[in-house]
Amino acid sequence: MATVLKKVECDPKCGFMIQSHDEKEVIKIALEHAKKSHEMDITEKEVRDMMVDA
């Protein structure tokens, strides 16, 4: 049985979106994007709160 596809999207002006069946991968890449592109330090919990099923 496949796991659910998870997705996190940034502000539409930014256009960033990550989706994966691996929740840890989504969190890791979203954290890296926030830091690199927006100079933001967000938490894993904040990413989980933004995560939806794709």
PDB file of N, CA and C in Angstrom:
ATOM      1  N   MET A   1       0.837  -1.184   0.000  1.00  0.00           N
ATOM      2  CA  MET A   1       0.000   0.000   0.000  1.00  0.00           C
ATOM      3  C   MET A   1       0.883   1.248   0.000  1.00  0.00           C
ATOM      4  N   ALA A   2       0.637   2.150  -0.902  1.00  0.00           N
ATOM      5  CA  ALA A   2       1.437   3.376  -1.015  1.00  0.00           C
ATOM      6  C   ALA A   2       1.021   4.372   0.059  1.00  0.00           C
ATOM      7  N   THR A   3       1.969   5.181   0.470  1.00  0.00           N
ATOM      8  CA  THR A   3       1.654   6.235   1.423  1.00  0.00           C
ATOM      9  C   THR A   3       1.044   7.416   0.684  1.00  0.00           C
ATOM     10  N   VAL A   4       0.379   8.274   1.430  1.00  0.00           N
ATOM     11  CA  VAL A   4      -0.281   9.440   0.860  1.00  0.00           C
ATOM     12  C   VAL A   4       0.763  10.460   0.403  1.00  0.00           C
ATOM     13  N   LEU A   5       0.530  11.056  -0.740  1.00  0.00           N
ATOM     14  CA  LEU A   5       1.391  12.111  -1.258  1.00  0.00           C
ATOM     15  C   LEU A   5       1.148  13.374  -0.447  1.00  0.00           C
ATOM     16  N   LYS A   6       2.212  13.961   0.108  1.00  0.00           N
ATOM     17  CA  LYS A   6       2.120  15.173   0.924  1.00  0.00           C
ATOM     18  C   LYS A   6       2.680  16.343   0.141  1.00  0.00           C
ATOM     19  N   LYS A   7       2.157  17.552   0.436  1.00  0.00           N
ATOM     20  CA  LYS A   7       2.562  18.738  -0.321  1.00  0.00           C
ATOM     21  C   LYS A   7       2.628  19.950   0.594  1.00  0.00           C
ATOM     22  N   VAL A   8       3.639  20.813   0.323  1.00  0.00           N
ATOM     23  CA  VAL A   8       3.756  22.122   0.959  1.00  0.00           C
ATOM     24  C   VAL A   8       3.991  23.132  -0.146  1.00  0.00           C
ATOM     25  N   GLU A   9       3.219  24.205  -0.119  1.00  0.00           N
ATOM     26  CA  GLU A   9       3.376  25.276  -1.101  1.00  0.00           C
ATOM     27  C   GLU A   9       3.725  26.573  -0.393  1.00  0.00           C
ATOM     28  N   CYS A  10       4.587  27.348  -1.029  1.00  0.00           N
ATOM     29  CA  CYS A  10       4.964  28.662  -0.534  1.00  0.00           C
ATOM     30  C   CYS A  10       3.944  29.672  -1.068  1.00  0.00           C
ATOM     31  N   ASP A  11       4.157  30.929  -0.750  1.00  0.00           N
ATOM     32  CA  ASP A  11       3.327  32.010  -1.264  1.00  0.00           C
ATOM     33  C   ASP A  11       3.277  31.936  -2.790  1.00  0.00           C
ATOM     34  N   PRO A  12       2.119  32.178  -3.403  1.00  0.00           N
ATOM     35  CA  PRO A  12       2.033  32.114  -4.875  1.00  0.00           C
ATOM     36  C   PRO A  12       3.038  33.023  -5.591  1.00  0.00           C
ATOM     37  N   LYS A  13       3.424  34.135  -4.975  1.00  0.00           N
ATOM     38  CA  LYS A  13       4.429  35.022  -5.584  1.00  0.00           C
ATOM     39  C   LYS A  13       5.773  34.324  -5.702  1.00  0.00           C
ATOM     40  N   CYS A  14       6.055  33.423  -4.770  1.00  0.00           N
ATOM     41  CA  CYS A  14       7.315  32.675  -4.764  1.00  0.00           C
ATOM     42  C   CYS A  14       7.242  31.520  -5.760  1.00  0.00           C
ATOM     43  N   GLY A  15       6.154  30.758  -5.698  1.00  0.00           N
ATOM     44  CA  GLY A  15       5.964  29.652  -6.619  1.00  0.00           C
ATOM     45  C   GLY A  15       6.559  28.323  -6.182  1.00  0.00           C
ATOM     46  N   PHE A  16       7.221  28.274  -5.030  1.00  0.00           N
ATOM     47  CA  PHE A  16       7.824  27.028  -4.560  1.00  0.00           C
ATOM     48  C   PHE A  16       6.746  26.030  -4.138  1.00  0.00           C
ATOM     49  N   MET A  17       6.966  24.757  -4.498  1.00  0.00           N
ATOM     50  CA  MET A  17       6.085  23.686  -4.068  1.00  0.00           C
ATOM     51  C   MET A  17       6.901  22.408  -3.993  1.00  0.00           C
ATOM     52  N   ILE A  18       6.703  21.651  -2.916  1.00  0.00           N
ATOM     53  CA  ILE A  18       7.342  20.350  -2.770  1.00  0.00           C
ATOM     54  C   ILE A  18       6.252  19.331  -2.481  1.00  0.00           C
ATOM     55  N   GLN A  19       6.330  18.185  -3.153  1.00  0.00           N
ATOM     56  CA  GLN A  19       5.423  17.087  -2.833  1.00  0.00           C
ATOM     57  C   GLN A  19       6.185  15.780  -2.900  1.00  0.00           C
ATOM     58  N   SER A  20       5.842  14.899  -1.988  1.00  0.00           N
ATOM     59  CA  SER A  20       6.530  13.618  -1.899  1.00  0.00           C
ATOM     60  C   SER A  20       5.688  12.664  -1.057  1.00  0.00           C
ATOM     61  N   HIS A  21       5.938  11.373  -1.238  1.00  0.00           N
ATOM     62  CA  HIS A  21       5.328  10.368  -0.366  1.00  0.00           C
ATOM     63  C   HIS A  21       6.088  10.297   0.956  1.00  0.00           C
ATOM     64  N   ASP A  22       7.274  10.890   1.011  1.00  0.00           N
ATOM     65  CA  ASP A  22       8.131  10.873   2.191  1.00  0.00           C
ATOM     66  C   ASP A  22       7.966  12.193   2.952  1.00  0.00           C
ATOM     67  N   GLU A  23       7.227  12.144   4.057  1.00  0.00           N
ATOM     68  CA  GLU A  23       6.949  13.347   4.841  1.00  0.00           C
ATOM     69  C   GLU A  23       8.230  14.020   5.336  1.00  0.00           C
ATOM     70  N   LYS A  24       9.214  13.220   5.724  1.00  0.00           N
ATOM     71  CA  LYS A  24      10.480  13.780   6.208  1.00  0.00           C
ATOM     72  C   LYS A  24      11.189  14.559   5.099  1.00  0.00           C
ATOM     73  N   GLU A  25      11.096  14.074   3.861  1.00  0.00           N
ATOM     74  CA  GLU A  25      11.699  14.774   2.732  1.00  0.00           C
ATOM     75  C   GLU A  25      11.012  16.120   2.507  1.00  0.00           C
ATOM     76  N   VAL A  26       9.692  16.135   2.588  1.00  0.00           N
ATOM     77  CA  VAL A  26       8.941  17.389   2.425  1.00  0.00           C
ATOM     78  C   VAL A  26       9.381  18.403   3.468  1.00  0.00           C
ATOM     79  N   ILE A  27       9.475  17.965   4.712  1.00  0.00           N
ATOM     80  CA  ILE A  27       9.873  18.859   5.803  1.00  0.00           C
ATOM     81  C   ILE A  27      11.283  19.387   5.573  1.00  0.00           C
ATOM     82  N   LYS A  28      12.222  18.507   5.255  1.00  0.00           N
ATOM     83  CA  LYS A  28      13.617  18.898   5.054  1.00  0.00           C
ATOM     84  C   LYS A  28      13.743  19.945   3.944  1.00  0.00           C
ATOM     85  N   ILE A  29      13.123  19.690   2.812  1.00  0.00           N
ATOM     86  CA  ILE A  29      13.239  20.603   1.679  1.00  0.00           C
ATOM     87  C   ILE A  29      12.521  21.923   1.950  1.00  0.00           C
ATOM     88  N   ALA A  30      11.367  21.868   2.614  1.00  0.00           N
ATOM     89  CA  ALA A  30      10.646  23.099   2.946  1.00  0.00           C
ATOM     90  C   ALA A  30      11.449  23.964   3.919  1.00  0.00           C
ATOM     91  N   LEU A  31      12.089  23.331   4.907  1.00  0.00           N
ATOM     92  CA  LEU A  31      12.931  24.084   5.848  1.00  0.00           C
ATOM     93  C   LEU A  31      14.103  24.739   5.124  1.00  0.00           C
ATOM     94  N   GLU A  32      14.737  23.991   4.215  1.00  0.00           N
ATOM     95  CA  GLU A  32      15.858  24.533   3.447  1.00  0.00           C
ATOM     96  C   GLU A  32      15.400  25.697   2.565  1.00  0.00           C
ATOM     97  N   HIS A  33      14.233  25.570   1.943  1.00  0.00           N
ATOM     98  CA  HIS A  33      13.704  26.632   1.089  1.00  0.00           C
ATOM     99  C   HIS A  33      13.441  27.901   1.909  1.00  0.00           C
ATOM    100  N   ALA A  34      12.797  27.747   3.065  1.00  0.00           N
ATOM    101  CA  ALA A  34      12.478  28.903   3.903  1.00  0.00           C
ATOM    102  C   ALA A  34      13.747  29.644   4.307  1.00  0.00           C
ATOM    103  N   LYS A  35      14.778  28.893   4.677  1.00  0.00           N
ATOM    104  CA  LYS A  35      16.045  29.486   5.113  1.00  0.00           C
ATOM    105  C   LYS A  35      16.764  30.165   3.948  1.00  0.00           C
ATOM    106  N   LYS A  36      16.909  29.452   2.841  1.00  0.00           N
ATOM    107  CA  LYS A  36      17.699  29.944   1.711  1.00  0.00           C
ATOM    108  C   LYS A  36      16.988  31.064   0.944  1.00  0.00           C
ATOM    109  N   SER A  37      15.714  30.880   0.663  1.00  0.00           N
ATOM    110  CA  SER A  37      15.010  31.829  -0.199  1.00  0.00           C
ATOM    111  C   SER A  37      14.372  32.995   0.550  1.00  0.00           C
ATOM    112  N   HIS A  38      14.043  32.780   1.829  1.00  0.00           N
ATOM    113  CA  HIS A  38      13.306  33.811   2.559  1.00  0.00           C
ATOM    114  C   HIS A  38      13.982  34.221   3.868  1.00  0.00           C
ATOM    115  N   GLU A  39      15.147  33.649   4.144  1.00  0.00           N
ATOM    116  CA  GLU A  39      15.885  33.930   5.379  1.00  0.00           C
ATOM    117  C   GLU A  39      14.987  33.785   6.609  1.00  0.00           C
ATOM    118  N   MET A  40      14.180  32.702   6.596  1.00  0.00           N
ATOM    119  CA  MET A  40      13.259  32.427   7.696  1.00  0.00           C
ATOM    120  C   MET A  40      13.672  31.143   8.395  1.00  0.00           C
ATOM    121  N   ASP A  41      13.644  31.164   9.710  1.00  0.00           N
ATOM    122  CA  ASP A  41      13.851  29.958  10.501  1.00  0.00           C
ATOM    123  C   ASP A  41      12.485  29.486  10.977  1.00  0.00           C
ATOM    124  N   ILE A  42      11.951  28.454  10.336  1.00  0.00           N
ATOM    125  CA  ILE A  42      10.671  27.900  10.759  1.00  0.00           C
ATOM    126  C   ILE A  42      10.912  26.526  11.362  1.00  0.00           C
ATOM    127  N   THR A  43       9.939  26.039  12.079  1.00  0.00           N
ATOM    128  CA  THR A  43      10.075  24.761  12.767  1.00  0.00           C
ATOM    129  C   THR A  43       9.435  23.641  11.951  1.00  0.00           C
ATOM    130  N   GLU A  44       9.792  22.409  12.309  1.00  0.00           N
ATOM    131  CA  GLU A  44       9.167  21.253  11.674  1.00  0.00           C
ATOM    132  C   GLU A  44       7.662  21.278  11.908  1.00  0.00           C
ATOM    133  N   LYS A  45       7.234  21.713  13.096  1.00  0.00           N
ATOM    134  CA  LYS A  45       5.807  21.790  13.395  1.00  0.00           C
ATOM    135  C   LYS A  45       5.109  22.768  12.453  1.00  0.00           C
ATOM    136  N   GLU A  46       5.747  23.893  12.179  1.00  0.00           N
ATOM    137  CA  GLU A  46       5.155  24.868  11.260  1.00  0.00           C
ATOM    138  C   GLU A  46       5.009  24.271   9.857  1.00  0.00           C
ATOM    139  N   VAL A  47       6.013  23.508   9.432  1.00  0.00           N
ATOM    140  CA  VAL A  47       5.918  22.856   8.118  1.00  0.00           C
ATOM    141  C   VAL A  47       4.796  21.834   8.129  1.00  0.00           C
ATOM    142  N   ARG A  48       4.709  21.039   9.193  1.00  0.00           N
ATOM    143  CA  ARG A  48       3.629  20.047   9.295  1.00  0.00           C
ATOM    144  C   ARG A  48       2.256  20.735   9.248  1.00  0.00           C
ATOM    145  N   ASP A  49       2.135  21.898   9.865  1.00  0.00           N
ATOM    146  CA  ASP A  49       0.874  22.638   9.853  1.00  0.00           C
ATOM    147  C   ASP A  49       0.506  23.132   8.452  1.00  0.00           C
ATOM    148  N   MET A  50       1.514  23.360   7.609  1.00  0.00           N
ATOM    149  CA  MET A  50       1.277  23.813   6.230  1.00  0.00           C
ATOM    150  C   MET A  50       1.048  22.634   5.278  1.00  0.00           C
ATOM    151  N   MET A  51       1.404  21.425   5.707  1.00  0.00           N
ATOM    152  CA  MET A  51       1.376  20.253   4.838  1.00  0.00           C
ATOM    153  C   MET A  51      -0.058  19.778   4.611  1.00  0.00           C
ATOM    154  N   VAL A  52      -0.348  19.451   3.355  1.00  0.00           N
ATOM    155  CA  VAL A  52      -1.655  18.899   2.994  1.00  0.00           C
ATOM    156  C   VAL A  52      -1.451  17.658   2.128  1.00  0.00           C
ATOM    157  N   ASP A  53      -2.500  16.863   2.019  1.00  0.00           N
ATOM    158  CA  ASP A  53      -2.459  15.722   1.104  1.00  0.00           C
ATOM    159  C   ASP A  53      -2.539  16.258  -0.320  1.00  0.00           C
ATOM    160  N   ALA A  54      -1.686  15.735  -1.186  1.00  0.00           N
ATOM    161  CA  ALA A  54      -1.664  16.209  -2.581  1.00  0.00           C
ATOM    162  C   ALA A  54      -2.622  15.405  -3.440  1.00  0.00           C
TER     163      ALA A  54
END
